[in-house]
């Protein structure tokens, strides 16, 4: 039997480690999304930024936390710049990265929770903060449905206040070929889902608007 002594110092150390891990995950999601959106390989970003490919790989895998200057250099190599806006809410990039992990684990319920939390975050913000949460394109999740759903919910909340939409929501790969229910169970079907918002119909994702309001 192993005894673990839980002291204030150990708890503080655990919180610091969790905070550092969260920051590394955020940097990884932002860089991966920017690189994927630009259609660049790690080698191409390395050549443009002057930062070696192995470092980029470590950052994108969440095993190294870059400085602000280094992250800005890498983003600049993809045609983007790092903007600092104070918020405690996770945006599209973080939502996409988390959903991708849950898709890989075949955990649809966990992916849905992340999606609804992102919807909550958009709904709870206004103006510039809402635009900033949606600004960075999420990585592709490995699921056409979730890729389309992220674009649809982003468009939904930005359209409500007449805010500018990021270009990534118009990517053709983020619209399905056929109308598809987001929440799949024995009661769900294309005919049974009513009151689908226009933004979701545009991306051919079927979800009742009440689901978004109660997220």
C-alpha atoms as a PDB file:
ATOM      1  CA  UNK A   1       0.000   0.000   0.000  1.00  0.00           C
ATOM      2  CA  UNK A   2       1.291   3.472  -0.935  1.00  0.00           C
ATOM      3  CA  UNK A   3       0.409   6.427   1.256  1.00  0.00           C
ATOM      4  CA  UNK A   4       0.122   9.848  -0.327  1.00  0.00           C
ATOM      5  CA  UNK A   5       0.379  12.813   2.040  1.00  0.00           C
ATOM      6  CA  UNK A   6      -1.857  15.617   0.795  1.00  0.00           C
ATOM      7  CA  UNK A   7      -0.317  18.825   2.153  1.00  0.00           C
ATOM      8  CA  UNK A   8      -1.088  22.430   1.172  1.00  0.00           C
ATOM      9  CA  UNK A   9       2.226  22.523  -0.690  1.00  0.00           C
ATOM     10  CA  UNK A  10       1.446  19.350  -2.632  1.00  0.00           C
ATOM     11  CA  UNK A  11      -2.022  20.650  -3.492  1.00  0.00           C
ATOM     12  CA  UNK A  12      -0.503  23.913  -4.703  1.00  0.00           C
ATOM     13  CA  UNK A  13       1.991  21.971  -6.808  1.00  0.00           C
ATOM     14  CA  UNK A  14      -0.841  19.932  -8.330  1.00  0.00           C
ATOM     15  CA  UNK A  15      -2.773  23.076  -9.223  1.00  0.00           C
ATOM     16  CA  UNK A  16       0.321  24.604 -10.827  1.00  0.00           C
ATOM     17  CA  UNK A  17       0.964  21.458 -12.860  1.00  0.00           C
ATOM     18  CA  UNK A  18      -2.668  21.355 -14.026  1.00  0.00           C
ATOM     19  CA  UNK A  19      -2.479  25.023 -15.001  1.00  0.00           C
ATOM     20  CA  UNK A  20       0.736  24.438 -16.958  1.00  0.00           C
ATOM     21  CA  UNK A  21      -0.768  21.399 -18.697  1.00  0.00           C
ATOM     22  CA  UNK A  22      -3.850  23.414 -19.643  1.00  0.00           C
ATOM     23  CA  UNK A  23      -1.688  26.172 -21.119  1.00  0.00           C
ATOM     24  CA  UNK A  24       0.337  23.659 -23.145  1.00  0.00           C
ATOM     25  CA  UNK A  25      -2.889  22.105 -24.440  1.00  0.00           C
ATOM     26  CA  UNK A  26      -4.220  25.532 -25.457  1.00  0.00           C
ATOM     27  CA  UNK A  27      -0.999  26.441 -27.288  1.00  0.00           C
ATOM     28  CA  UNK A  28      -1.029  23.061 -29.040  1.00  0.00           C
ATOM     29  CA  UNK A  29      -4.644  23.493 -30.178  1.00  0.00           C
ATOM     30  CA  UNK A  30      -4.055  27.042 -31.425  1.00  0.00           C
ATOM     31  CA  UNK A  31      -0.918  26.155 -33.390  1.00  0.00           C
ATOM     32  CA  UNK A  32      -2.366  22.963 -34.885  1.00  0.00           C
ATOM     33  CA  UNK A  33      -5.526  24.805 -35.937  1.00  0.00           C
ATOM     34  CA  UNK A  34      -3.602  27.691 -37.508  1.00  0.00           C
ATOM     35  CA  UNK A  35      -1.254  25.348 -39.379  1.00  0.00           C
ATOM     36  CA  UNK A  36      -4.086  23.114 -40.609  1.00  0.00           C
ATOM     37  CA  UNK A  37      -6.138  26.115 -41.719  1.00  0.00           C
ATOM     38  CA  UNK A  38      -3.145  27.417 -43.711  1.00  0.00           C
ATOM     39  CA  UNK A  39      -2.571  23.976 -45.238  1.00  0.00           C
ATOM     40  CA  UNK A  40       1.048  23.855 -44.088  1.00  0.00           C
ATOM     41  CA  UNK A  41       3.169  20.972 -42.853  1.00  0.00           C
ATOM     42  CA  UNK A  42       5.299  21.204 -39.715  1.00  0.00           C
ATOM     43  CA  UNK A  43       8.376  21.297 -41.947  1.00  0.00           C
ATOM     44  CA  UNK A  44       7.010  24.281 -43.880  1.00  0.00           C
ATOM     45  CA  UNK A  45       6.202  26.159 -40.672  1.00  0.00           C
ATOM     46  CA  UNK A  46       9.705  25.370 -39.411  1.00  0.00           C
ATOM     47  CA  UNK A  47      11.274  26.766 -42.578  1.00  0.00           C
ATOM     48  CA  UNK A  48       9.199  29.936 -42.449  1.00  0.00           C
ATOM     49  CA  UNK A  49       9.622  30.576 -38.723  1.00  0.00           C
ATOM     50  CA  UNK A  50      13.217  29.470 -38.221  1.00  0.00           C
ATOM     51  CA  UNK A  51      12.100  27.193 -35.370  1.00  0.00           C
ATOM     52  CA  UNK A  52      13.111  23.563 -35.782  1.00  0.00           C
ATOM     53  CA  UNK A  53      10.481  20.965 -36.653  1.00  0.00           C
ATOM     54  CA  UNK A  54      11.126  18.881 -33.519  1.00  0.00           C
ATOM     55  CA  UNK A  55      10.205  21.857 -31.319  1.00  0.00           C
ATOM     56  CA  UNK A  56       7.029  22.433 -33.309  1.00  0.00           C
ATOM     57  CA  UNK A  57       6.136  18.755 -32.907  1.00  0.00           C
ATOM     58  CA  UNK A  58       6.626  18.968 -29.126  1.00  0.00           C
ATOM     59  CA  UNK A  59       4.457  22.087 -28.887  1.00  0.00           C
ATOM     60  CA  UNK A  60       1.671  20.614 -31.032  1.00  0.00           C
ATOM     61  CA  UNK A  61       1.644  17.408 -28.996  1.00  0.00           C
ATOM     62  CA  UNK A  62       1.294  19.392 -25.763  1.00  0.00           C
ATOM     63  CA  UNK A  63       4.687  18.324 -24.415  1.00  0.00           C
ATOM     64  CA  UNK A  64       6.288  21.776 -24.485  1.00  0.00           C
ATOM     65  CA  UNK A  65       4.938  25.186 -23.579  1.00  0.00           C
ATOM     66  CA  UNK A  66       6.200  27.918 -25.926  1.00  0.00           C
ATOM     67  CA  UNK A  67       6.906  31.481 -24.886  1.00  0.00           C
ATOM     68  CA  UNK A  68       4.520  34.140 -26.165  1.00  0.00           C
ATOM     69  CA  UNK A  69       7.175  35.381 -28.594  1.00  0.00           C
ATOM     70  CA  UNK A  70       7.813  31.885 -29.972  1.00  0.00           C
ATOM     71  CA  UNK A  71       4.102  31.126 -30.388  1.00  0.00           C
ATOM     72  CA  UNK A  72       3.636  34.448 -32.176  1.00  0.00           C
ATOM     73  CA  UNK A  73       6.531  33.605 -34.543  1.00  0.00           C
ATOM     74  CA  UNK A  74       4.980  30.248 -35.343  1.00  0.00           C
ATOM     75  CA  UNK A  75       1.538  31.730 -35.919  1.00  0.00           C
ATOM     76  CA  UNK A  76       3.060  34.465 -38.083  1.00  0.00           C
ATOM     77  CA  UNK A  77       4.536  31.697 -40.252  1.00  0.00           C
ATOM     78  CA  UNK A  78       0.959  30.477 -40.895  1.00  0.00           C
ATOM     79  CA  UNK A  79      -0.247  33.958 -41.825  1.00  0.00           C
ATOM     80  CA  UNK A  80      -1.696  34.741 -38.415  1.00  0.00           C
ATOM     81  CA  UNK A  81      -0.665  36.733 -35.372  1.00  0.00           C
ATOM     82  CA  UNK A  82      -1.159  36.148 -31.682  1.00  0.00           C
ATOM     83  CA  UNK A  83      -3.759  38.426 -30.142  1.00  0.00           C
ATOM     84  CA  UNK A  84      -4.195  38.700 -26.391  1.00  0.00           C
ATOM     85  CA  UNK A  85      -7.736  39.114 -25.107  1.00  0.00           C
ATOM     86  CA  UNK A  86      -8.578  38.476 -21.448  1.00  0.00           C
ATOM     87  CA  UNK A  87     -11.130  35.687 -21.074  1.00  0.00           C
ATOM     88  CA  UNK A  88     -11.591  32.593 -18.968  1.00  0.00           C
ATOM     89  CA  UNK A  89     -13.744  30.834 -21.572  1.00  0.00           C
ATOM     90  CA  UNK A  90     -12.605  28.181 -24.036  1.00  0.00           C
ATOM     91  CA  UNK A  91     -13.130  28.955 -27.713  1.00  0.00           C
ATOM     92  CA  UNK A  92     -13.485  27.077 -30.983  1.00  0.00           C
ATOM     93  CA  UNK A  93      -9.857  25.906 -31.097  1.00  0.00           C
ATOM     94  CA  UNK A  94     -10.024  24.320 -27.654  1.00  0.00           C
ATOM     95  CA  UNK A  95     -13.454  22.813 -28.334  1.00  0.00           C
ATOM     96  CA  UNK A  96     -12.245  21.225 -31.562  1.00  0.00           C
ATOM     97  CA  UNK A  97      -9.161  19.746 -29.908  1.00  0.00           C
ATOM     98  CA  UNK A  98     -11.197  18.265 -27.051  1.00  0.00           C
ATOM     99  CA  UNK A  99     -13.869  16.844 -29.351  1.00  0.00           C
ATOM    100  CA  UNK A 100     -11.152  15.283 -31.495  1.00  0.00           C
ATOM    101  CA  UNK A 101      -9.852  13.390 -28.449  1.00  0.00           C
ATOM    102  CA  UNK A 102     -13.356  12.183 -27.560  1.00  0.00           C
ATOM    103  CA  UNK A 103     -14.040  11.120 -31.154  1.00  0.00           C
ATOM    104  CA  UNK A 104     -10.848   9.050 -31.068  1.00  0.00           C
ATOM    105  CA  UNK A 105     -12.163   7.398 -27.880  1.00  0.00           C
ATOM    106  CA  UNK A 106     -15.629   6.919 -29.427  1.00  0.00           C
ATOM    107  CA  UNK A 107     -17.103   8.916 -26.523  1.00  0.00           C
ATOM    108  CA  UNK A 108     -20.014  10.756 -28.141  1.00  0.00           C
ATOM    109  CA  UNK A 109     -21.481  11.977 -24.846  1.00  0.00           C
ATOM    110  CA  UNK A 110     -18.215  13.636 -23.803  1.00  0.00           C
ATOM    111  CA  UNK A 111     -17.940  15.264 -27.231  1.00  0.00           C
ATOM    112  CA  UNK A 112     -21.494  16.570 -26.856  1.00  0.00           C
ATOM    113  CA  UNK A 113     -20.672  18.071 -23.452  1.00  0.00           C
ATOM    114  CA  UNK A 114     -17.713  19.933 -24.940  1.00  0.00           C
ATOM    115  CA  UNK A 115     -19.864  21.162 -27.815  1.00  0.00           C
ATOM    116  CA  UNK A 116     -22.594  22.446 -25.490  1.00  0.00           C
ATOM    117  CA  UNK A 117     -20.008  24.116 -23.248  1.00  0.00           C
ATOM    118  CA  UNK A 118     -18.631  25.949 -26.289  1.00  0.00           C
ATOM    119  CA  UNK A 119     -22.168  26.982 -27.196  1.00  0.00           C
ATOM    120  CA  UNK A 120     -22.642  28.199 -23.617  1.00  0.00           C
ATOM    121  CA  UNK A 121     -19.445  30.233 -23.829  1.00  0.00           C
ATOM    122  CA  UNK A 122     -20.560  31.919 -27.039  1.00  0.00           C
ATOM    123  CA  UNK A 123     -23.996  32.610 -25.628  1.00  0.00           C
ATOM    124  CA  UNK A 124     -22.614  34.085 -22.415  1.00  0.00           C
ATOM    125  CA  UNK A 125     -20.376  36.605 -24.210  1.00  0.00           C
ATOM    126  CA  UNK A 126     -20.992  39.621 -26.397  1.00  0.00           C
ATOM    127  CA  UNK A 127     -19.250  41.675 -29.022  1.00  0.00           C
ATOM    128  CA  UNK A 128     -15.497  41.371 -29.320  1.00  0.00           C
ATOM    129  CA  UNK A 129     -15.200  38.552 -26.799  1.00  0.00           C
ATOM    130  CA  UNK A 130     -17.657  36.368 -28.706  1.00  0.00           C
ATOM    131  CA  UNK A 131     -15.838  37.080 -31.979  1.00  0.00           C
ATOM    132  CA  UNK A 132     -12.485  36.242 -30.380  1.00  0.00           C
ATOM    133  CA  UNK A 133     -13.743  32.903 -29.037  1.00  0.00           C
ATOM    134  CA  UNK A 134     -14.686  31.918 -32.578  1.00  0.00           C
ATOM    135  CA  UNK A 135     -11.720  33.444 -34.388  1.00  0.00           C
ATOM    136  CA  UNK A 136      -9.280  30.515 -34.475  1.00  0.00           C
ATOM    137  CA  UNK A 137     -10.360  27.625 -36.664  1.00  0.00           C
ATOM    138  CA  UNK A 138     -10.723  24.350 -34.762  1.00  0.00           C
ATOM    139  CA  UNK A 139      -8.739  21.353 -35.942  1.00  0.00           C
ATOM    140  CA  UNK A 140     -10.707  18.769 -37.849  1.00  0.00           C
ATOM    141  CA  UNK A 141     -12.123  16.360 -35.323  1.00  0.00           C
ATOM    142  CA  UNK A 142     -12.148  13.167 -37.339  1.00  0.00           C
ATOM    143  CA  UNK A 143     -15.933  13.410 -37.600  1.00  0.00           C
ATOM    144  CA  UNK A 144     -17.684  15.289 -40.421  1.00  0.00           C
ATOM    145  CA  UNK A 145     -20.702  15.752 -38.153  1.00  0.00           C
ATOM    146  CA  UNK A 146     -18.750  17.457 -35.378  1.00  0.00           C
ATOM    147  CA  UNK A 147     -16.808  19.595 -37.866  1.00  0.00           C
ATOM    148  CA  UNK A 148     -20.092  20.820 -39.317  1.00  0.00           C
ATOM    149  CA  UNK A 149     -21.668  21.260 -35.870  1.00  0.00           C
ATOM    150  CA  UNK A 150     -18.834  23.501 -34.665  1.00  0.00           C
ATOM    151  CA  UNK A 151     -19.234  25.707 -37.728  1.00  0.00           C
ATOM    152  CA  UNK A 152     -23.003  25.777 -37.313  1.00  0.00           C
ATOM    153  CA  UNK A 153     -23.020  26.752 -33.635  1.00  0.00           C
ATOM    154  CA  UNK A 154     -20.402  29.426 -34.280  1.00  0.00           C
ATOM    155  CA  UNK A 155     -22.490  30.911 -37.090  1.00  0.00           C
ATOM    156  CA  UNK A 156     -25.639  30.630 -34.952  1.00  0.00           C
ATOM    157  CA  UNK A 157     -24.323  32.745 -32.078  1.00  0.00           C
ATOM    158  CA  UNK A 158     -22.536  35.310 -34.245  1.00  0.00           C
ATOM    159  CA  UNK A 159     -25.547  35.827 -36.520  1.00  0.00           C
ATOM    160  CA  UNK A 160     -27.773  36.525 -33.514  1.00  0.00           C
ATOM    161  CA  UNK A 161     -25.940  39.803 -32.837  1.00  0.00           C
ATOM    162  CA  UNK A 162     -24.897  40.555 -36.411  1.00  0.00           C
ATOM    163  CA  UNK A 163     -21.225  39.900 -35.624  1.00  0.00           C
ATOM    164  CA  UNK A 164     -18.584  39.081 -38.250  1.00  0.00           C
ATOM    165  CA  UNK A 165     -18.037  35.389 -38.902  1.00  0.00           C
ATOM    166  CA  UNK A 166     -14.599  33.807 -39.303  1.00  0.00           C
ATOM    167  CA  UNK A 167     -13.804  32.442 -42.759  1.00  0.00           C
ATOM    168  CA  UNK A 168     -13.365  28.881 -41.487  1.00  0.00           C
ATOM    169  CA  UNK A 169     -17.113  28.412 -40.984  1.00  0.00           C
ATOM    170  CA  UNK A 170     -17.537  28.607 -44.778  1.00  0.00           C
ATOM    171  CA  UNK A 171     -15.086  25.798 -45.531  1.00  0.00           C
ATOM    172  CA  UNK A 172     -16.899  23.286 -47.732  1.00  0.00           C
ATOM    173  CA  UNK A 173     -15.752  20.394 -45.540  1.00  0.00           C
ATOM    174  CA  UNK A 174     -17.790  21.871 -42.670  1.00  0.00           C
ATOM    175  CA  UNK A 175     -21.124  21.319 -44.426  1.00  0.00           C
ATOM    176  CA  UNK A 176     -22.592  17.824 -44.653  1.00  0.00           C
ATOM    177  CA  UNK A 177     -23.976  16.257 -47.808  1.00  0.00           C
ATOM    178  CA  UNK A 178     -27.215  15.193 -46.111  1.00  0.00           C
ATOM    179  CA  UNK A 179     -29.184  16.521 -43.104  1.00  0.00           C
ATOM    180  CA  UNK A 180     -27.947  14.599 -40.066  1.00  0.00           C
ATOM    181  CA  UNK A 181     -29.120  14.640 -36.427  1.00  0.00           C
ATOM    182  CA  UNK A 182     -26.416  15.779 -34.005  1.00  0.00           C
ATOM    183  CA  UNK A 183     -27.864  13.845 -31.081  1.00  0.00           C
ATOM    184  CA  UNK A 184     -28.434  10.250 -32.098  1.00  0.00           C
ATOM    185  CA  UNK A 185     -30.707   7.989 -30.072  1.00  0.00           C
ATOM    186  CA  UNK A 186     -33.688   5.749 -30.701  1.00  0.00           C
ATOM    187  CA  UNK A 187     -36.059   8.723 -30.713  1.00  0.00           C
ATOM    188  CA  UNK A 188     -34.074  10.946 -33.061  1.00  0.00           C
ATOM    189  CA  UNK A 189     -34.663  11.147 -36.788  1.00  0.00           C
ATOM    190  CA  UNK A 190     -34.634  13.847 -39.419  1.00  0.00           C
ATOM    191  CA  UNK A 191     -38.424  14.116 -39.181  1.00  0.00           C
ATOM    192  CA  UNK A 192     -38.636  14.168 -35.387  1.00  0.00           C
ATOM    193  CA  UNK A 193     -36.310  17.149 -34.871  1.00  0.00           C
ATOM    194  CA  UNK A 194     -38.193  20.431 -35.066  1.00  0.00           C
ATOM    195  CA  UNK A 195     -37.225  24.079 -34.726  1.00  0.00           C
ATOM    196  CA  UNK A 196     -33.771  23.691 -36.264  1.00  0.00           C
ATOM    197  CA  UNK A 197     -32.020  27.103 -36.443  1.00  0.00           C
ATOM    198  CA  UNK A 198     -31.160  28.405 -39.896  1.00  0.00           C
ATOM    199  CA  UNK A 199     -27.438  28.336 -39.192  1.00  0.00           C
ATOM    200  CA  UNK A 200     -27.639  24.620 -38.473  1.00  0.00           C
ATOM    201  CA  UNK A 201     -29.802  23.911 -41.519  1.00  0.00           C
ATOM    202  CA  UNK A 202     -27.184  25.631 -43.633  1.00  0.00           C
ATOM    203  CA  UNK A 203     -24.573  23.132 -42.437  1.00  0.00           C
ATOM    204  CA  UNK A 204     -27.142  20.295 -42.572  1.00  0.00           C
ATOM    205  CA  UNK A 205     -26.923  19.604 -38.848  1.00  0.00           C
ATOM    206  CA  UNK A 206     -30.253  18.838 -37.216  1.00  0.00           C
ATOM    207  CA  UNK A 207     -30.603  19.940 -33.615  1.00  0.00           C
ATOM    208  CA  UNK A 208     -33.517  21.552 -31.806  1.00  0.00           C
ATOM    209  CA  UNK A 209     -32.823  25.141 -30.790  1.00  0.00           C
ATOM    210  CA  UNK A 210     -33.954  24.328 -27.241  1.00  0.00           C
ATOM    211  CA  UNK A 211     -30.869  22.126 -26.877  1.00  0.00           C
ATOM    212  CA  UNK A 212     -28.652  25.165 -27.341  1.00  0.00           C
ATOM    213  CA  UNK A 213     -30.637  27.335 -24.974  1.00  0.00           C
ATOM    214  CA  UNK A 214     -30.470  24.770 -22.163  1.00  0.00           C
ATOM    215  CA  UNK A 215     -26.757  24.011 -22.595  1.00  0.00           C
END
